[in-house]
């Protein structure tokens, strides 16, 4: 239904901007991990999960 209102020009623009939007999403995700408690987020990554365990 949305394609009926948007012409082929806008579809072509959206197709061209999709990789850049994905790149900005990845950069934003890395920035979010950097700005927040990254130990908490990296606990969900399976490979890194056991790497940062504290010896209590």
PDB file of N, CA and C in Angstrom:
ATOM      1  N   UNK A   1       0.817  -1.186   0.000  1.00  0.00           N
ATOM      2  CA  UNK A   1       0.000   0.000   0.000  1.00  0.00           C
ATOM      3  C   UNK A   1       0.866   1.257   0.000  1.00  0.00           C
ATOM      4  N   UNK A   2       1.980   1.183   0.699  1.00  0.00           N
ATOM      5  CA  UNK A   2       2.883   2.330   0.743  1.00  0.00           C
ATOM      6  C   UNK A   2       3.540   2.563  -0.614  1.00  0.00           C
ATOM      7  N   UNK A   3       3.796   1.488  -1.353  1.00  0.00           N
ATOM      8  CA  UNK A   3       4.431   1.647  -2.660  1.00  0.00           C
ATOM      9  C   UNK A   3       3.495   2.317  -3.661  1.00  0.00           C
ATOM     10  N   UNK A   4       2.204   2.281  -3.420  1.00  0.00           N
ATOM     11  CA  UNK A   4       1.267   2.958  -4.309  1.00  0.00           C
ATOM     12  C   UNK A   4       1.422   4.473  -4.194  1.00  0.00           C
ATOM     13  N   UNK A   5       1.730   4.966  -2.997  1.00  0.00           N
ATOM     14  CA  UNK A   5       1.880   6.402  -2.798  1.00  0.00           C
ATOM     15  C   UNK A   5       3.283   6.881  -3.138  1.00  0.00           C
ATOM     16  N   UNK A   6       4.258   6.032  -2.962  1.00  0.00           N
ATOM     17  CA  UNK A   6       5.639   6.399  -3.272  1.00  0.00           C
ATOM     18  C   UNK A   6       5.987   5.904  -4.667  1.00  0.00           C
ATOM     19  N   UNK A   7       6.530   6.764  -5.459  1.00  0.00           N
ATOM     20  CA  UNK A   7       6.875   6.398  -6.819  1.00  0.00           C
ATOM     21  C   UNK A   7       8.181   5.623  -6.886  1.00  0.00           C
ATOM     22  N   UNK A   8       8.589   5.250  -8.103  1.00  0.00           N
ATOM     23  CA  UNK A   8       9.832   4.489  -8.265  1.00  0.00           C
ATOM     24  C   UNK A   8      11.073   5.284  -7.863  1.00  0.00           C
ATOM     25  N   UNK A   9      10.986   6.598  -7.935  1.00  0.00           N
ATOM     26  CA  UNK A   9      12.125   7.426  -7.527  1.00  0.00           C
ATOM     27  C   UNK A   9      12.414   7.243  -6.040  1.00  0.00           C
ATOM     28  N   UNK A  10      11.373   7.242  -5.218  1.00  0.00           N
ATOM     29  CA  UNK A  10      11.562   7.096  -3.772  1.00  0.00           C
ATOM     30  C   UNK A  10      11.981   5.675  -3.404  1.00  0.00           C
ATOM     31  N   UNK A  11      11.499   4.698  -4.157  1.00  0.00           N
ATOM     32  CA  UNK A  11      11.949   3.319  -3.908  1.00  0.00           C
ATOM     33  C   UNK A  11      13.435   3.183  -4.206  1.00  0.00           C
ATOM     34  N   UNK A  12      13.896   3.820  -5.269  1.00  0.00           N
ATOM     35  CA  UNK A  12      15.321   3.779  -5.611  1.00  0.00           C
ATOM     36  C   UNK A  12      16.155   4.494  -4.552  1.00  0.00           C
ATOM     37  N   UNK A  13      15.668   5.612  -4.055  1.00  0.00           N
ATOM     38  CA  UNK A  13      16.373   6.316  -2.978  1.00  0.00           C
ATOM     39  C   UNK A  13      16.453   5.466  -1.714  1.00  0.00           C
ATOM     40  N   UNK A  14      15.361   4.810  -1.368  1.00  0.00           N
ATOM     41  CA  UNK A  14      15.355   3.955  -0.175  1.00  0.00           C
ATOM     42  C   UNK A  14      16.322   2.789  -0.350  1.00  0.00           C
ATOM     43  N   UNK A  15      16.378   2.234  -1.552  1.00  0.00           N
ATOM     44  CA  UNK A  15      17.297   1.117  -1.800  1.00  0.00           C
ATOM     45  C   UNK A  15      18.757   1.571  -1.694  1.00  0.00           C
ATOM     46  N   UNK A  16      19.027   2.796  -2.116  1.00  0.00           N
ATOM     47  CA  UNK A  16      20.399   3.308  -2.030  1.00  0.00           C
ATOM     48  C   UNK A  16      20.795   3.659  -0.599  1.00  0.00           C
ATOM     49  N   UNK A  17      19.846   4.098   0.215  1.00  0.00           N
ATOM     50  CA  UNK A  17      20.159   4.519   1.578  1.00  0.00           C
ATOM     51  C   UNK A  17      20.136   3.370   2.583  1.00  0.00           C
ATOM     52  N   UNK A  18      19.642   2.218   2.199  1.00  0.00           N
ATOM     53  CA  UNK A  18      19.542   1.102   3.133  1.00  0.00           C
ATOM     54  C   UNK A  18      20.894   0.659   3.702  1.00  0.00           C
ATOM     55  N   UNK A  19      21.955   0.500   2.903  1.00  0.00           N
ATOM     56  CA  UNK A  19      23.250   0.136   3.504  1.00  0.00           C
ATOM     57  C   UNK A  19      23.789   1.202   4.464  1.00  0.00           C
ATOM     58  N   UNK A  20      23.590   2.468   4.129  1.00  0.00           N
ATOM     59  CA  UNK A  20      24.070   3.533   5.009  1.00  0.00           C
ATOM     60  C   UNK A  20      23.294   3.542   6.319  1.00  0.00           C
ATOM     61  N   UNK A  21      21.996   3.266   6.255  1.00  0.00           N
ATOM     62  CA  UNK A  21      21.200   3.196   7.480  1.00  0.00           C
ATOM     63  C   UNK A  21      21.655   2.014   8.343  1.00  0.00           C
ATOM     64  N   UNK A  22      22.009   0.906   7.706  1.00  0.00           N
ATOM     65  CA  UNK A  22      22.538  -0.235   8.455  1.00  0.00           C
ATOM     66  C   UNK A  22      23.867   0.089   9.116  1.00  0.00           C
ATOM     67  N   UNK A  23      24.715   0.825   8.404  1.00  0.00           N
ATOM     68  CA  UNK A  23      26.003   1.230   8.974  1.00  0.00           C
ATOM     69  C   UNK A  23      25.806   2.146  10.169  1.00  0.00           C
ATOM     70  N   UNK A  24      24.906   3.117  10.046  1.00  0.00           N
ATOM     71  CA  UNK A  24      24.632   4.013  11.170  1.00  0.00           C
ATOM     72  C   UNK A  24      24.007   3.268  12.343  1.00  0.00           C
ATOM     73  N   UNK A  25      23.206   2.260  12.048  1.00  0.00           N
ATOM     74  CA  UNK A  25      22.643   1.444  13.120  1.00  0.00           C
ATOM     75  C   UNK A  25      23.724   0.676  13.864  1.00  0.00           C
ATOM     76  N   UNK A  26      24.690   0.150  13.115  1.00  0.00           N
ATOM     77  CA  UNK A  26      25.803  -0.569  13.751  1.00  0.00           C
ATOM     78  C   UNK A  26      26.661   0.382  14.579  1.00  0.00           C
ATOM     79  N   UNK A  27      26.935   1.557  14.043  1.00  0.00           N
ATOM     80  CA  UNK A  27      27.726   2.544  14.787  1.00  0.00           C
ATOM     81  C   UNK A  27      26.980   2.980  16.049  1.00  0.00           C
ATOM     82  N   UNK A  28      25.677   3.166  15.931  1.00  0.00           N
ATOM     83  CA  UNK A  28      24.882   3.532  17.100  1.00  0.00           C
ATOM     84  C   UNK A  28      24.860   2.438  18.150  1.00  0.00           C
ATOM     85  N   UNK A  29      24.817   1.181  17.705  1.00  0.00           N
ATOM     86  CA  UNK A  29      24.836   0.067  18.657  1.00  0.00           C
ATOM     87  C   UNK A  29      26.162  -0.006  19.394  1.00  0.00           C
ATOM     88  N   UNK A  30      27.251   0.163  18.672  1.00  0.00           N
ATOM     89  CA  UNK A  30      28.571   0.161  19.319  1.00  0.00           C
ATOM     90  C   UNK A  30      28.685   1.346  20.264  1.00  0.00           C
ATOM     91  N   UNK A  31      28.173   2.492  19.864  1.00  0.00           N
ATOM     92  CA  UNK A  31      28.186   3.660  20.746  1.00  0.00           C
ATOM     93  C   UNK A  31      27.354   3.446  21.993  1.00  0.00           C
ATOM     94  N   UNK A  32      26.230   2.760  21.855  1.00  0.00           N
ATOM     95  CA  UNK A  32      25.396   2.460  23.017  1.00  0.00           C
ATOM     96  C   UNK A  32      26.122   1.528  23.979  1.00  0.00           C
ATOM     97  N   UNK A  33      26.797   0.510  23.442  1.00  0.00           N
ATOM     98  CA  UNK A  33      27.558  -0.398  24.293  1.00  0.00           C
ATOM     99  C   UNK A  33      28.701   0.351  24.966  1.00  0.00           C
ATOM    100  N   UNK A  34      29.342   1.263  24.248  1.00  0.00           N
ATOM    101  CA  UNK A  34      30.454   2.022  24.819  1.00  0.00           C
ATOM    102  C   UNK A  34      29.969   2.964  25.920  1.00  0.00           C
ATOM    103  N   UNK A  35      28.810   3.573  25.735  1.00  0.00           N
ATOM    104  CA  UNK A  35      28.332   4.571  26.685  1.00  0.00           C
ATOM    105  C   UNK A  35      27.651   3.962  27.905  1.00  0.00           C
ATOM    106  N   UNK A  36      27.229   2.712  27.812  1.00  0.00           N
ATOM    107  CA  UNK A  36      26.533   2.088  28.932  1.00  0.00           C
ATOM    108  C   UNK A  36      27.452   1.069  29.605  1.00  0.00           C
ATOM    109  N   UNK A  37      26.874   0.297  30.473  1.00  0.00           N
ATOM    110  CA  UNK A  37      27.625  -0.736  31.182  1.00  0.00           C
ATOM    111  C   UNK A  37      27.893  -1.889  30.226  1.00  0.00           C
ATOM    112  N   UNK A  38      29.071  -1.883  29.581  1.00  0.00           N
ATOM    113  CA  UNK A  38      29.351  -2.843  28.521  1.00  0.00           C
ATOM    114  C   UNK A  38      29.508  -4.260  29.048  1.00  0.00           C
ATOM    115  N   UNK A  39      29.831  -4.449  30.318  1.00  0.00           N
ATOM    116  CA  UNK A  39      29.911  -5.812  30.866  1.00  0.00           C
ATOM    117  C   UNK A  39      28.533  -6.462  30.860  1.00  0.00           C
ATOM    118  N   UNK A  40      27.531  -5.682  31.197  1.00  0.00           N
ATOM    119  CA  UNK A  40      26.167  -6.192  31.225  1.00  0.00           C
ATOM    120  C   UNK A  40      25.701  -6.612  29.831  1.00  0.00           C
ATOM    121  N   UNK A  41      26.027  -5.832  28.832  1.00  0.00           N
ATOM    122  CA  UNK A  41      25.622  -6.144  27.457  1.00  0.00           C
ATOM    123  C   UNK A  41      26.435  -7.303  26.900  1.00  0.00           C
ATOM    124  N   UNK A  42      27.736  -7.323  27.170  1.00  0.00           N
ATOM    125  CA  UNK A  42      28.582  -8.385  26.620  1.00  0.00           C
ATOM    126  C   UNK A  42      28.357  -9.727  27.304  1.00  0.00           C
ATOM    127  N   UNK A  43      27.642  -9.771  28.404  1.00  0.00           N
ATOM    128  CA  UNK A  43      27.281 -11.055  29.011  1.00  0.00           C
ATOM    129  C   UNK A  43      26.348 -11.850  28.114  1.00  0.00           C
ATOM    130  N   UNK A  44      25.652 -11.187  27.198  1.00  0.00           N
ATOM    131  CA  UNK A  44      24.734 -11.869  26.287  1.00  0.00           C
ATOM    132  C   UNK A  44      25.452 -12.440  25.067  1.00  0.00           C
ATOM    133  N   UNK A  45      26.720 -12.077  24.835  1.00  0.00           N
ATOM    134  CA  UNK A  45      27.487 -12.605  23.696  1.00  0.00           C
ATOM    135  C   UNK A  45      28.093 -13.934  24.131  1.00  0.00           C
ATOM    136  N   UNK A  46      27.770 -15.030  23.446  1.00  0.00           N
ATOM    137  CA  UNK A  46      28.199 -16.349  23.920  1.00  0.00           C
ATOM    138  C   UNK A  46      29.717 -16.519  23.996  1.00  0.00           C
ATOM    139  N   UNK A  47      30.466 -16.038  23.044  1.00  0.00           N
ATOM    140  CA  UNK A  47      31.918 -16.246  23.034  1.00  0.00           C
ATOM    141  C   UNK A  47      32.607 -15.477  24.154  1.00  0.00           C
ATOM    142  N   UNK A  48      32.103 -14.284  24.453  1.00  0.00           N
ATOM    143  CA  UNK A  48      32.733 -13.416  25.442  1.00  0.00           C
ATOM    144  C   UNK A  48      32.185 -13.678  26.842  1.00  0.00           C
ATOM    145  N   UNK A  49      31.119 -14.456  26.938  1.00  0.00           N
ATOM    146  CA  UNK A  49      30.407 -14.643  28.196  1.00  0.00           C
ATOM    147  C   UNK A  49      31.318 -15.104  29.335  1.00  0.00           C
ATOM    148  N   UNK A  50      32.189 -16.055  29.102  1.00  0.00           N
ATOM    149  CA  UNK A  50      33.026 -16.566  30.172  1.00  0.00           C
ATOM    150  C   UNK A  50      34.346 -15.851  30.328  1.00  0.00           C
ATOM    151  N   UNK A  51      34.655 -14.909  29.442  1.00  0.00           N
ATOM    152  CA  UNK A  51      35.953 -14.262  29.447  1.00  0.00           C
ATOM    153  C   UNK A  51      36.113 -13.281  30.609  1.00  0.00           C
ATOM    154  N   UNK A  52      35.057 -12.554  30.947  1.00  0.00           N
ATOM    155  CA  UNK A  52      35.163 -11.482  31.934  1.00  0.00           C
ATOM    156  C   UNK A  52      34.574 -11.865  33.279  1.00  0.00           C
ATOM    157  N   UNK A  53      34.572 -13.124  33.615  1.00  0.00           N
ATOM    158  CA  UNK A  53      34.038 -13.532  34.924  1.00  0.00           C
ATOM    159  C   UNK A  53      35.016 -13.151  36.014  1.00  0.00           C
ATOM    160  N   UNK A  54      34.467 -12.642  37.098  1.00  0.00           N
ATOM    161  CA  UNK A  54      35.297 -12.253  38.239  1.00  0.00           C
ATOM    162  C   UNK A  54      35.499 -13.451  39.154  1.00  0.00           C
ATOM    163  N   UNK A  55      36.662 -13.546  39.724  1.00  0.00           N
ATOM    164  CA  UNK A  55      36.946 -14.603  40.702  1.00  0.00           C
ATOM    165  C   UNK A  55      36.548 -14.074  42.081  1.00  0.00           C
ATOM    166  N   UNK A  56      35.427 -14.534  42.568  1.00  0.00           N
ATOM    167  CA  UNK A  56      34.962 -14.082  43.898  1.00  0.00           C
ATOM    168  C   UNK A  56      35.424 -15.014  44.977  1.00  0.00           C
TER     169      UNK A  56
END
